[in-house]
Amino acid sequence: MFGFITDYFSTKKSSDDMLTRSARDQCWNARDVYFSCLDSHDVISPNSKNAKDICTSEKNKYNENCAISWVRYFNDKRLVDYKKKKLMEENENVTFVDVNPALLEKKIILLHMQ
């Protein structure tokens, strides 16, 4: 009922604000600066305790210039990419393949038809 009031006074940008190219560029640049700062302090996860007291100005710009959902996505992706990289380094002979179950199902059906 009063959702429009909280949205109006929110300091976070919504996804609608991110539709312009310049807004997306500002977000991506702020993200890159923040993540570079984290890298310089050897911090992987932006959500870790170590990240709370460092790179605060970079983090504030990142949060100001990116939608909340984008911040969550970029933070999660950073952690997943790091884990994937470490796993690949530990297992040099392993090849990672992203499997789309729908495509896999189609391939199985095509194999049965031949």
N, C-alpha and C. Protein backbone atom coordinates (compact mmCIF):
# COMPACT_ATOMS: atom_id res chain seq x y z
N MET A 1 0.81 -1.18 0.00
CA MET A 1 0.00 0.00 0.00
C MET A 1 0.86 1.26 0.00
N PHE A 2 1.90 1.28 0.84
CA PHE A 2 2.75 2.45 0.91
C PHE A 2 4.11 2.21 0.25
N GLY A 3 4.17 1.20 -0.61
CA GLY A 3 5.43 0.87 -1.27
C GLY A 3 6.00 2.02 -2.07
N PHE A 4 5.13 2.81 -2.69
CA PHE A 4 5.62 3.92 -3.50
C PHE A 4 6.35 4.95 -2.65
N ILE A 5 5.97 5.09 -1.38
CA ILE A 5 6.62 6.06 -0.50
C ILE A 5 8.03 5.60 -0.18
N THR A 6 8.20 4.33 0.16
CA THR A 6 9.54 3.84 0.47
C THR A 6 10.41 3.84 -0.77
N ASP A 7 9.83 3.52 -1.93
CA ASP A 7 10.60 3.57 -3.17
C ASP A 7 11.04 4.99 -3.48
N TYR A 8 10.16 5.95 -3.23
CA TYR A 8 10.46 7.34 -3.53
C TYR A 8 11.62 7.86 -2.70
N PHE A 9 11.68 7.45 -1.44
CA PHE A 9 12.71 7.95 -0.54
C PHE A 9 13.94 7.05 -0.48
N SER A 10 13.96 5.99 -1.25
CA SER A 10 15.09 5.08 -1.24
C SER A 10 16.32 5.75 -1.83
N THR A 11 17.47 5.49 -1.24
CA THR A 11 18.72 6.05 -1.76
C THR A 11 19.35 5.13 -2.79
N LYS A 12 18.85 3.92 -2.91
CA LYS A 12 19.38 2.97 -3.87
C LYS A 12 18.69 3.13 -5.21
N LYS A 13 19.47 2.92 -6.27
CA LYS A 13 18.90 3.02 -7.60
C LYS A 13 18.12 1.75 -7.92
N SER A 14 17.04 1.90 -8.63
CA SER A 14 16.28 0.73 -9.06
C SER A 14 16.83 0.27 -10.40
N SER A 15 16.38 -0.88 -10.87
CA SER A 15 16.82 -1.39 -12.16
C SER A 15 16.39 -0.47 -13.29
N ASP A 16 15.27 0.25 -13.12
CA ASP A 16 14.81 1.17 -14.15
C ASP A 16 15.81 2.29 -14.39
N ASP A 17 16.49 2.72 -13.33
CA ASP A 17 17.49 3.78 -13.47
C ASP A 17 18.71 3.31 -14.25
N MET A 18 18.88 2.00 -14.35
CA MET A 18 20.08 1.46 -14.97
C MET A 18 19.90 1.24 -16.47
N LEU A 19 18.80 1.69 -17.04
CA LEU A 19 18.52 1.41 -18.43
C LEU A 19 19.36 2.23 -19.40
N THR A 20 19.86 3.37 -18.98
CA THR A 20 20.65 4.18 -19.90
C THR A 20 22.08 3.65 -19.96
N ARG A 21 22.67 3.81 -21.10
CA ARG A 21 24.03 3.33 -21.32
C ARG A 21 25.02 4.00 -20.35
N SER A 22 24.87 5.29 -20.16
CA SER A 22 25.79 6.01 -19.28
C SER A 22 25.66 5.54 -17.83
N ALA A 23 24.44 5.22 -17.39
CA ALA A 23 24.23 4.73 -16.03
C ALA A 23 24.88 3.36 -15.85
N ARG A 24 24.75 2.51 -16.87
CA ARG A 24 25.39 1.19 -16.80
C ARG A 24 26.91 1.34 -16.77
N ASP A 25 27.43 2.24 -17.60
CA ASP A 25 28.88 2.47 -17.62
C ASP A 25 29.38 2.96 -16.26
N GLN A 26 28.63 3.85 -15.63
CA GLN A 26 29.02 4.34 -14.30
C GLN A 26 29.03 3.20 -13.30
N CYS A 27 28.04 2.34 -13.38
CA CYS A 27 27.97 1.19 -12.48
C CYS A 27 29.17 0.28 -12.69
N TRP A 28 29.42 -0.09 -13.95
CA TRP A 28 30.52 -1.01 -14.24
C TRP A 28 31.87 -0.42 -13.83
N ASN A 29 32.05 0.87 -14.07
CA ASN A 29 33.31 1.52 -13.68
C ASN A 29 33.46 1.53 -12.16
N ALA A 30 32.39 1.84 -11.45
CA ALA A 30 32.44 1.85 -9.98
C ALA A 30 32.73 0.44 -9.45
N ARG A 31 32.12 -0.56 -10.07
CA ARG A 31 32.37 -1.95 -9.68
C ARG A 31 33.83 -2.31 -9.89
N ASP A 32 34.37 -1.96 -11.06
CA ASP A 32 35.76 -2.29 -11.37
C ASP A 32 36.74 -1.62 -10.40
N VAL A 33 36.48 -0.37 -10.06
CA VAL A 33 37.34 0.35 -9.11
C VAL A 33 37.27 -0.32 -7.74
N TYR A 34 36.07 -0.65 -7.30
CA TYR A 34 35.90 -1.29 -5.99
C TYR A 34 36.57 -2.66 -5.96
N PHE A 35 36.36 -3.46 -6.99
CA PHE A 35 36.95 -4.79 -7.02
C PHE A 35 38.48 -4.71 -7.13
N SER A 36 39.00 -3.71 -7.84
CA SER A 36 40.46 -3.52 -7.90
C SER A 36 41.02 -3.20 -6.52
N CYS A 37 40.29 -2.38 -5.79
CA CYS A 37 40.71 -2.06 -4.42
C CYS A 37 40.71 -3.31 -3.55
N LEU A 38 39.66 -4.12 -3.67
CA LEU A 38 39.61 -5.38 -2.90
C LEU A 38 40.78 -6.28 -3.29
N ASP A 39 41.08 -6.35 -4.59
CA ASP A 39 42.21 -7.16 -5.06
C ASP A 39 43.52 -6.69 -4.45
N SER A 40 43.69 -5.38 -4.36
CA SER A 40 44.95 -4.85 -3.81
C SER A 40 45.11 -5.18 -2.32
N HIS A 41 44.01 -5.50 -1.66
CA HIS A 41 44.05 -5.90 -0.25
C HIS A 41 43.86 -7.42 -0.08
N ASP A 42 43.91 -8.15 -1.18
CA ASP A 42 43.74 -9.61 -1.18
C ASP A 42 42.43 -10.05 -0.52
N VAL A 43 41.37 -9.32 -0.80
CA VAL A 43 40.05 -9.68 -0.30
C VAL A 43 39.24 -10.22 -1.47
N ILE A 44 38.70 -11.41 -1.31
CA ILE A 44 37.95 -12.04 -2.38
C ILE A 44 36.48 -11.68 -2.31
N SER A 45 35.87 -11.93 -1.18
CA SER A 45 34.42 -11.71 -1.04
C SER A 45 34.12 -10.32 -0.51
N PRO A 46 33.34 -9.53 -1.26
CA PRO A 46 32.94 -8.20 -0.78
C PRO A 46 32.09 -8.27 0.49
N ASN A 47 31.54 -9.44 0.78
CA ASN A 47 30.68 -9.61 1.96
C ASN A 47 31.44 -10.11 3.18
N SER A 48 32.74 -10.32 3.05
CA SER A 48 33.51 -10.85 4.17
C SER A 48 33.76 -9.77 5.22
N LYS A 49 34.15 -10.23 6.41
CA LYS A 49 34.46 -9.30 7.50
C LYS A 49 35.64 -8.41 7.14
N ASN A 50 36.60 -8.95 6.40
CA ASN A 50 37.79 -8.19 6.00
C ASN A 50 37.44 -7.02 5.09
N ALA A 51 36.37 -7.13 4.35
CA ALA A 51 36.00 -6.10 3.37
C ALA A 51 35.27 -4.92 3.99
N LYS A 52 34.79 -5.08 5.20
CA LYS A 52 33.95 -4.03 5.81
C LYS A 52 34.69 -2.74 6.10
N ASP A 53 35.96 -2.83 6.46
CA ASP A 53 36.71 -1.65 6.89
C ASP A 53 37.66 -1.10 5.83
N ILE A 54 37.71 -1.73 4.66
CA ILE A 54 38.60 -1.23 3.62
C ILE A 54 37.79 -0.80 2.41
N CYS A 55 38.38 0.02 1.59
CA CYS A 55 37.77 0.47 0.33
C CYS A 55 36.38 1.07 0.54
N THR A 56 36.19 1.79 1.62
CA THR A 56 34.85 2.29 1.92
C THR A 56 34.35 3.33 0.92
N SER A 57 35.22 4.22 0.47
CA SER A 57 34.75 5.22 -0.51
C SER A 57 34.42 4.56 -1.84
N GLU A 58 35.23 3.56 -2.24
CA GLU A 58 34.96 2.83 -3.48
C GLU A 58 33.66 2.04 -3.37
N LYS A 59 33.46 1.43 -2.19
CA LYS A 59 32.24 0.66 -1.97
C LYS A 59 31.01 1.57 -2.01
N ASN A 60 31.12 2.75 -1.41
CA ASN A 60 29.99 3.68 -1.41
C ASN A 60 29.62 4.11 -2.83
N LYS A 61 30.62 4.39 -3.66
CA LYS A 61 30.35 4.76 -5.06
C LYS A 61 29.72 3.60 -5.82
N TYR A 62 30.21 2.40 -5.56
CA TYR A 62 29.67 1.19 -6.18
C TYR A 62 28.20 1.03 -5.81
N ASN A 63 27.88 1.17 -4.53
CA ASN A 63 26.49 1.03 -4.09
C ASN A 63 25.60 2.17 -4.59
N GLU A 64 26.16 3.34 -4.75
CA GLU A 64 25.38 4.48 -5.25
C GLU A 64 25.08 4.36 -6.75
N ASN A 65 26.02 3.81 -7.50
CA ASN A 65 25.90 3.78 -8.96
C ASN A 65 25.28 2.51 -9.52
N CYS A 66 25.06 1.51 -8.68
CA CYS A 66 24.51 0.24 -9.17
C CYS A 66 23.22 -0.11 -8.44
N ALA A 67 22.31 -0.72 -9.15
CA ALA A 67 21.07 -1.21 -8.54
C ALA A 67 21.41 -2.30 -7.52
N ILE A 68 20.59 -2.43 -6.52
CA ILE A 68 20.83 -3.41 -5.45
C ILE A 68 20.99 -4.82 -6.03
N SER A 69 20.12 -5.18 -6.96
CA SER A 69 20.19 -6.52 -7.55
C SER A 69 21.49 -6.71 -8.32
N TRP A 70 21.98 -5.66 -8.94
CA TRP A 70 23.24 -5.75 -9.67
C TRP A 70 24.41 -5.94 -8.71
N VAL A 71 24.40 -5.23 -7.60
CA VAL A 71 25.46 -5.35 -6.60
C VAL A 71 25.51 -6.79 -6.09
N ARG A 72 24.35 -7.35 -5.76
CA ARG A 72 24.30 -8.74 -5.29
C ARG A 72 24.84 -9.68 -6.35
N TYR A 73 24.42 -9.48 -7.60
CA TYR A 73 24.86 -10.35 -8.70
C TYR A 73 26.38 -10.25 -8.89
N PHE A 74 26.91 -9.03 -8.98
CA PHE A 74 28.35 -8.85 -9.19
C PHE A 74 29.16 -9.43 -8.04
N ASN A 75 28.70 -9.24 -6.81
CA ASN A 75 29.41 -9.79 -5.65
C ASN A 75 29.42 -11.31 -5.68
N ASP A 76 28.27 -11.91 -5.97
CA ASP A 76 28.18 -13.36 -6.05
C ASP A 76 29.03 -13.90 -7.20
N LYS A 77 28.99 -13.23 -8.33
CA LYS A 77 29.75 -13.66 -9.50
C LYS A 77 31.25 -13.60 -9.22
N ARG A 78 31.69 -12.57 -8.52
CA ARG A 78 33.11 -12.45 -8.17
C ARG A 78 33.56 -13.66 -7.36
N LEU A 79 32.76 -14.06 -6.40
CA LEU A 79 33.11 -15.19 -5.56
C LEU A 79 33.09 -16.50 -6.35
N VAL A 80 32.08 -16.69 -7.17
CA VAL A 80 31.99 -17.90 -7.99
C VAL A 80 33.15 -17.98 -8.98
N ASP A 81 33.47 -16.87 -9.62
CA ASP A 81 34.59 -16.86 -10.57
C ASP A 81 35.91 -17.19 -9.88
N TYR A 82 36.09 -16.67 -8.67
CA TYR A 82 37.31 -16.96 -7.92
C TYR A 82 37.39 -18.46 -7.60
N LYS A 83 36.29 -19.02 -7.13
CA LYS A 83 36.28 -20.45 -6.78
C LYS A 83 36.53 -21.31 -8.01
N LYS A 84 35.94 -20.91 -9.13
CA LYS A 84 36.13 -21.66 -10.37
C LYS A 84 37.60 -21.60 -10.81
N LYS A 85 38.20 -20.43 -10.70
CA LYS A 85 39.60 -20.25 -11.08
C LYS A 85 40.51 -21.10 -10.20
N LYS A 86 40.26 -21.09 -8.88
CA LYS A 86 41.07 -21.89 -7.96
C LYS A 86 40.94 -23.38 -8.26
N LEU A 87 39.72 -23.81 -8.54
CA LEU A 87 39.48 -25.21 -8.86
C LEU A 87 40.20 -25.61 -10.14
N MET A 88 40.19 -24.73 -11.13
CA MET A 88 40.87 -25.02 -12.38
C MET A 88 42.38 -25.07 -12.18
N GLU A 89 42.91 -24.20 -11.33
CA GLU A 89 44.34 -24.22 -11.04
C GLU A 89 44.74 -25.51 -10.33
N GLU A 90 43.88 -25.99 -9.45
CA GLU A 90 44.17 -27.22 -8.71
C GLU A 90 44.03 -28.45 -9.61
N ASN A 91 43.18 -28.38 -10.59
CA ASN A 91 42.93 -29.51 -11.49
C ASN A 91 43.15 -29.06 -12.92
N GLU A 92 44.41 -28.98 -13.32
CA GLU A 92 44.75 -28.43 -14.62
C GLU A 92 44.12 -29.19 -15.78
N ASN A 93 43.87 -30.46 -15.61
CA ASN A 93 43.33 -31.27 -16.70
C ASN A 93 41.81 -31.27 -16.75
N VAL A 94 41.17 -30.53 -15.87
CA VAL A 94 39.71 -30.50 -15.83
C VAL A 94 39.21 -29.42 -16.77
N THR A 95 38.18 -29.75 -17.54
CA THR A 95 37.54 -28.78 -18.42
C THR A 95 36.14 -28.53 -17.89
N PHE A 96 35.83 -27.26 -17.68
CA PHE A 96 34.50 -26.89 -17.20
C PHE A 96 33.60 -26.59 -18.38
N VAL A 97 32.42 -27.19 -18.35
CA VAL A 97 31.44 -26.97 -19.41
C VAL A 97 30.14 -26.56 -18.75
N ASP A 98 29.61 -25.43 -19.19
CA ASP A 98 28.30 -25.01 -18.71
C ASP A 98 27.26 -25.82 -19.47
N VAL A 99 26.45 -26.57 -18.76
CA VAL A 99 25.46 -27.43 -19.39
C VAL A 99 24.08 -26.85 -19.17
N ASN A 100 23.40 -26.63 -20.25
CA ASN A 100 22.02 -26.18 -20.21
C ASN A 100 21.16 -27.44 -20.29
N PRO A 101 20.42 -27.78 -19.24
CA PRO A 101 19.64 -29.02 -19.24
C PRO A 101 18.69 -29.13 -20.43
N ALA A 102 18.13 -28.02 -20.87
CA ALA A 102 17.20 -28.06 -22.00
C ALA A 102 17.93 -28.50 -23.27
N LEU A 103 19.13 -28.00 -23.49
CA LEU A 103 19.90 -28.39 -24.67
C LEU A 103 20.34 -29.84 -24.56
N LEU A 104 20.71 -30.26 -23.38
CA LEU A 104 21.12 -31.64 -23.16
C LEU A 104 19.98 -32.58 -23.48
N GLU A 105 18.79 -32.23 -23.06
CA GLU A 105 17.61 -33.04 -23.33
C GLU A 105 17.36 -33.16 -24.83
N LYS A 106 17.52 -32.07 -25.57
CA LYS A 106 17.32 -32.08 -27.02
C LYS A 106 18.34 -32.97 -27.69
N LYS A 107 19.60 -32.93 -27.24
CA LYS A 107 20.64 -33.77 -27.83
C LYS A 107 20.33 -35.24 -27.60
N ILE A 108 19.84 -35.58 -26.42
CA ILE A 108 19.50 -36.97 -26.13
C ILE A 108 18.38 -37.44 -27.04
N ILE A 109 17.39 -36.60 -27.24
CA ILE A 109 16.27 -36.95 -28.13
C ILE A 109 16.78 -37.14 -29.54
N LEU A 110 17.66 -36.26 -30.02
CA LEU A 110 18.20 -36.38 -31.37
C LEU A 110 19.01 -37.66 -31.52
N LEU A 111 19.76 -38.05 -30.50
CA LEU A 111 20.54 -39.28 -30.56
C LEU A 111 19.63 -40.50 -30.65
N HIS A 112 18.52 -40.47 -29.96
CA HIS A 112 17.59 -41.59 -30.01
C HIS A 112 16.89 -41.68 -31.35
N MET A 113 16.75 -40.57 -32.04
CA MET A 113 16.06 -40.56 -33.32
C MET A 113 16.94 -41.10 -34.44
N GLN A 114 18.24 -41.06 -34.27
CA GLN A 114 19.15 -41.48 -35.35
C GLN A 114 19.25 -42.96 -35.48
